[in-house]
Amino acid sequence: MRMIFDILPNEIFVFGSNDQGLHYGGAAKQALQWGAKMNQAGGLMGNTYGIVTMNWETGNFIGWDNISKQLQLLINFAKTYPYLTFLLTPIGTGIAGADLNELDEIVTNLELPSNIEKLWTVGQEIPDEI
């Protein structure tokens, strides 16, 4: 797992968010330092890009179908901005509680462009902060 303590001006920190954009924990909280905005759940915010992974009220994971659609939007966005590097954290596998192996399979099948960097390896422990 690549730990992120700082990012370069051309890097975008991709994190999992709840549907209300309340970034109180995990990678979402970390994203605040690079431009994530409270009450904005997804999309580009400063040097961050949010992907909704859980429902705020229930705390439930929203499902891989929803996340796959958002990942496809991220891929299309990244292709439009090839000079940016998107640092994809293991979205959904922290507070939302989803399985890293399932995320990895989805990401592998989506064929990420070269400017999206997956920050995990299956079998590695995921730290509290990315």
Protein backbone atom coordinates (compact mmCIF):
# COMPACT_ATOMS: atom_id res chain seq x y z
CA MET A 1 0.00 0.00 0.00
CA ARG A 2 1.39 3.37 -1.00
CA MET A 3 0.94 5.84 1.84
CA ILE A 4 -0.02 9.36 0.80
CA PHE A 5 1.19 12.20 3.00
CA ASP A 6 1.37 14.90 0.36
CA ILE A 7 0.44 15.21 -3.28
CA LEU A 8 1.93 17.02 -6.24
CA PRO A 9 0.05 19.79 -8.09
CA ASN A 10 -0.76 17.37 -10.96
CA GLU A 11 -2.07 14.60 -8.65
CA ILE A 12 -5.71 13.95 -7.75
CA PHE A 13 -6.48 11.98 -4.56
CA VAL A 14 -9.44 9.67 -5.28
CA PHE A 15 -11.35 8.75 -2.13
CA GLY A 16 -14.56 7.07 -1.00
CA SER A 17 -17.28 9.31 0.38
CA ASN A 18 -20.70 8.99 1.93
CA ASP A 19 -23.68 10.25 -0.04
CA GLN A 20 -23.93 13.44 2.06
CA GLY A 21 -20.32 14.51 1.57
CA LEU A 22 -19.63 14.52 5.31
CA HIS A 23 -15.91 13.80 5.33
CA TYR A 24 -15.35 12.91 8.98
CA GLY A 25 -13.19 9.81 8.68
CA GLY A 26 -10.85 7.66 6.64
CA ALA A 27 -9.51 8.83 3.30
CA ALA A 28 -12.38 11.34 3.03
CA LYS A 29 -11.12 13.19 6.09
CA GLN A 30 -7.60 13.11 4.69
CA ALA A 31 -8.92 14.51 1.38
CA LEU A 32 -10.02 17.72 3.11
CA GLN A 33 -6.42 18.93 3.18
CA TRP A 34 -6.27 18.75 -0.65
CA GLY A 35 -9.55 20.43 -1.49
CA ALA A 36 -12.42 18.05 -0.70
CA LYS A 37 -15.47 20.07 0.30
CA MET A 38 -17.90 19.26 3.07
CA ASN A 39 -21.38 18.53 1.72
CA GLN A 40 -20.04 17.59 -1.73
CA ALA A 41 -20.03 13.81 -2.04
CA GLY A 42 -18.50 13.14 -5.43
CA GLY A 43 -16.57 14.43 -8.37
CA LEU A 44 -13.63 16.81 -8.60
CA MET A 45 -12.91 19.03 -5.60
CA GLY A 46 -9.53 20.78 -5.63
CA ASN A 47 -6.92 18.03 -5.94
CA THR A 48 -9.38 15.34 -4.91
CA TYR A 49 -12.09 13.27 -6.58
CA GLY A 50 -14.87 11.70 -4.49
CA ILE A 51 -16.67 8.46 -5.24
CA VAL A 52 -19.77 7.69 -3.17
CA THR A 53 -19.38 4.34 -1.41
CA MET A 54 -21.87 4.45 1.48
CA ASN A 55 -25.17 5.85 2.69
CA TRP A 56 -24.63 8.35 5.52
CA GLU A 57 -27.86 7.65 7.41
CA THR A 58 -27.64 3.84 7.40
CA GLY A 59 -23.88 3.42 7.18
CA ASN A 60 -24.51 0.81 4.48
CA PHE A 61 -22.21 0.16 1.54
CA ILE A 62 -24.00 1.24 -1.67
CA GLY A 63 -22.96 -1.75 -3.79
CA TRP A 64 -20.46 -2.50 -6.51
CA ASP A 65 -22.87 -1.72 -9.36
CA ASN A 66 -23.14 1.90 -8.21
CA ILE A 67 -19.41 2.16 -7.63
CA SER A 68 -18.60 0.59 -11.01
CA LYS A 69 -20.65 3.30 -12.74
CA GLN A 70 -18.79 6.00 -10.82
CA LEU A 71 -15.44 4.39 -11.62
CA GLN A 72 -16.34 4.47 -15.31
CA LEU A 73 -17.05 8.20 -14.98
CA LEU A 74 -13.64 8.61 -13.31
CA ILE A 75 -11.97 6.70 -16.16
CA ASN A 76 -13.64 8.94 -18.75
CA PHE A 77 -12.64 12.02 -16.76
CA ALA A 78 -9.02 10.81 -16.43
CA LYS A 79 -8.80 10.20 -20.17
CA THR A 80 -9.85 13.81 -20.73
CA TYR A 81 -7.00 15.01 -18.47
CA PRO A 82 -4.01 12.80 -19.35
CA TYR A 83 -1.57 15.22 -17.71
CA LEU A 84 -3.11 14.52 -14.28
CA THR A 85 -2.36 11.44 -12.16
CA PHE A 86 -5.32 10.03 -10.25
CA LEU A 87 -4.31 8.27 -7.02
CA LEU A 88 -7.06 5.68 -6.49
CA THR A 89 -7.40 4.69 -2.84
CA PRO A 90 -9.11 1.39 -1.91
CA ILE A 91 -12.55 3.02 -2.01
CA GLY A 92 -15.33 1.34 -0.08
CA THR A 93 -13.06 -0.99 1.86
CA GLY A 94 -12.58 1.14 4.96
CA ILE A 95 -15.54 2.62 6.83
CA ALA A 96 -18.02 1.32 4.20
CA GLY A 97 -16.77 -2.21 4.92
CA ALA A 98 -16.59 -3.73 1.43
CA ASP A 99 -14.12 -6.42 0.37
CA LEU A 100 -10.79 -5.37 -1.17
CA ASN A 101 -10.68 -8.46 -3.40
CA GLU A 102 -14.01 -7.50 -4.96
CA LEU A 103 -12.84 -3.93 -5.56
CA ASP A 104 -9.63 -5.21 -7.11
CA GLU A 105 -11.53 -7.50 -9.48
CA ILE A 106 -13.80 -4.66 -10.60
CA VAL A 107 -10.90 -2.27 -11.15
CA THR A 108 -8.94 -4.90 -13.07
CA ASN A 109 -11.91 -5.54 -15.37
CA LEU A 110 -12.37 -1.83 -16.03
CA GLU A 111 -8.88 -1.48 -17.54
CA LEU A 112 -7.70 1.74 -15.95
CA PRO A 113 -5.85 4.24 -18.14
CA SER A 114 -2.18 4.76 -17.32
CA ASN A 115 -2.87 7.99 -15.41
CA ILE A 116 -4.97 6.22 -12.74
CA GLU A 117 -2.65 4.67 -10.14
CA LYS A 118 -4.15 1.97 -7.94
CA LEU A 119 -2.70 2.43 -4.43
CA TRP A 120 -3.18 -1.10 -3.09
CA THR A 121 -2.09 -4.66 -3.64
CA VAL A 122 -4.41 -7.52 -2.71
CA GLY A 123 -3.13 -9.23 0.42
CA GLN A 124 -1.76 -6.06 2.00
CA GLU A 125 -3.32 -4.64 5.13
CA ILE A 126 -5.12 -1.35 4.55
CA PRO A 127 -3.93 1.32 7.04
CA ASP A 128 -6.30 3.76 8.71
CA GLU A 129 -4.80 6.60 6.70
CA ILE A 130 -3.81 6.19 3.09
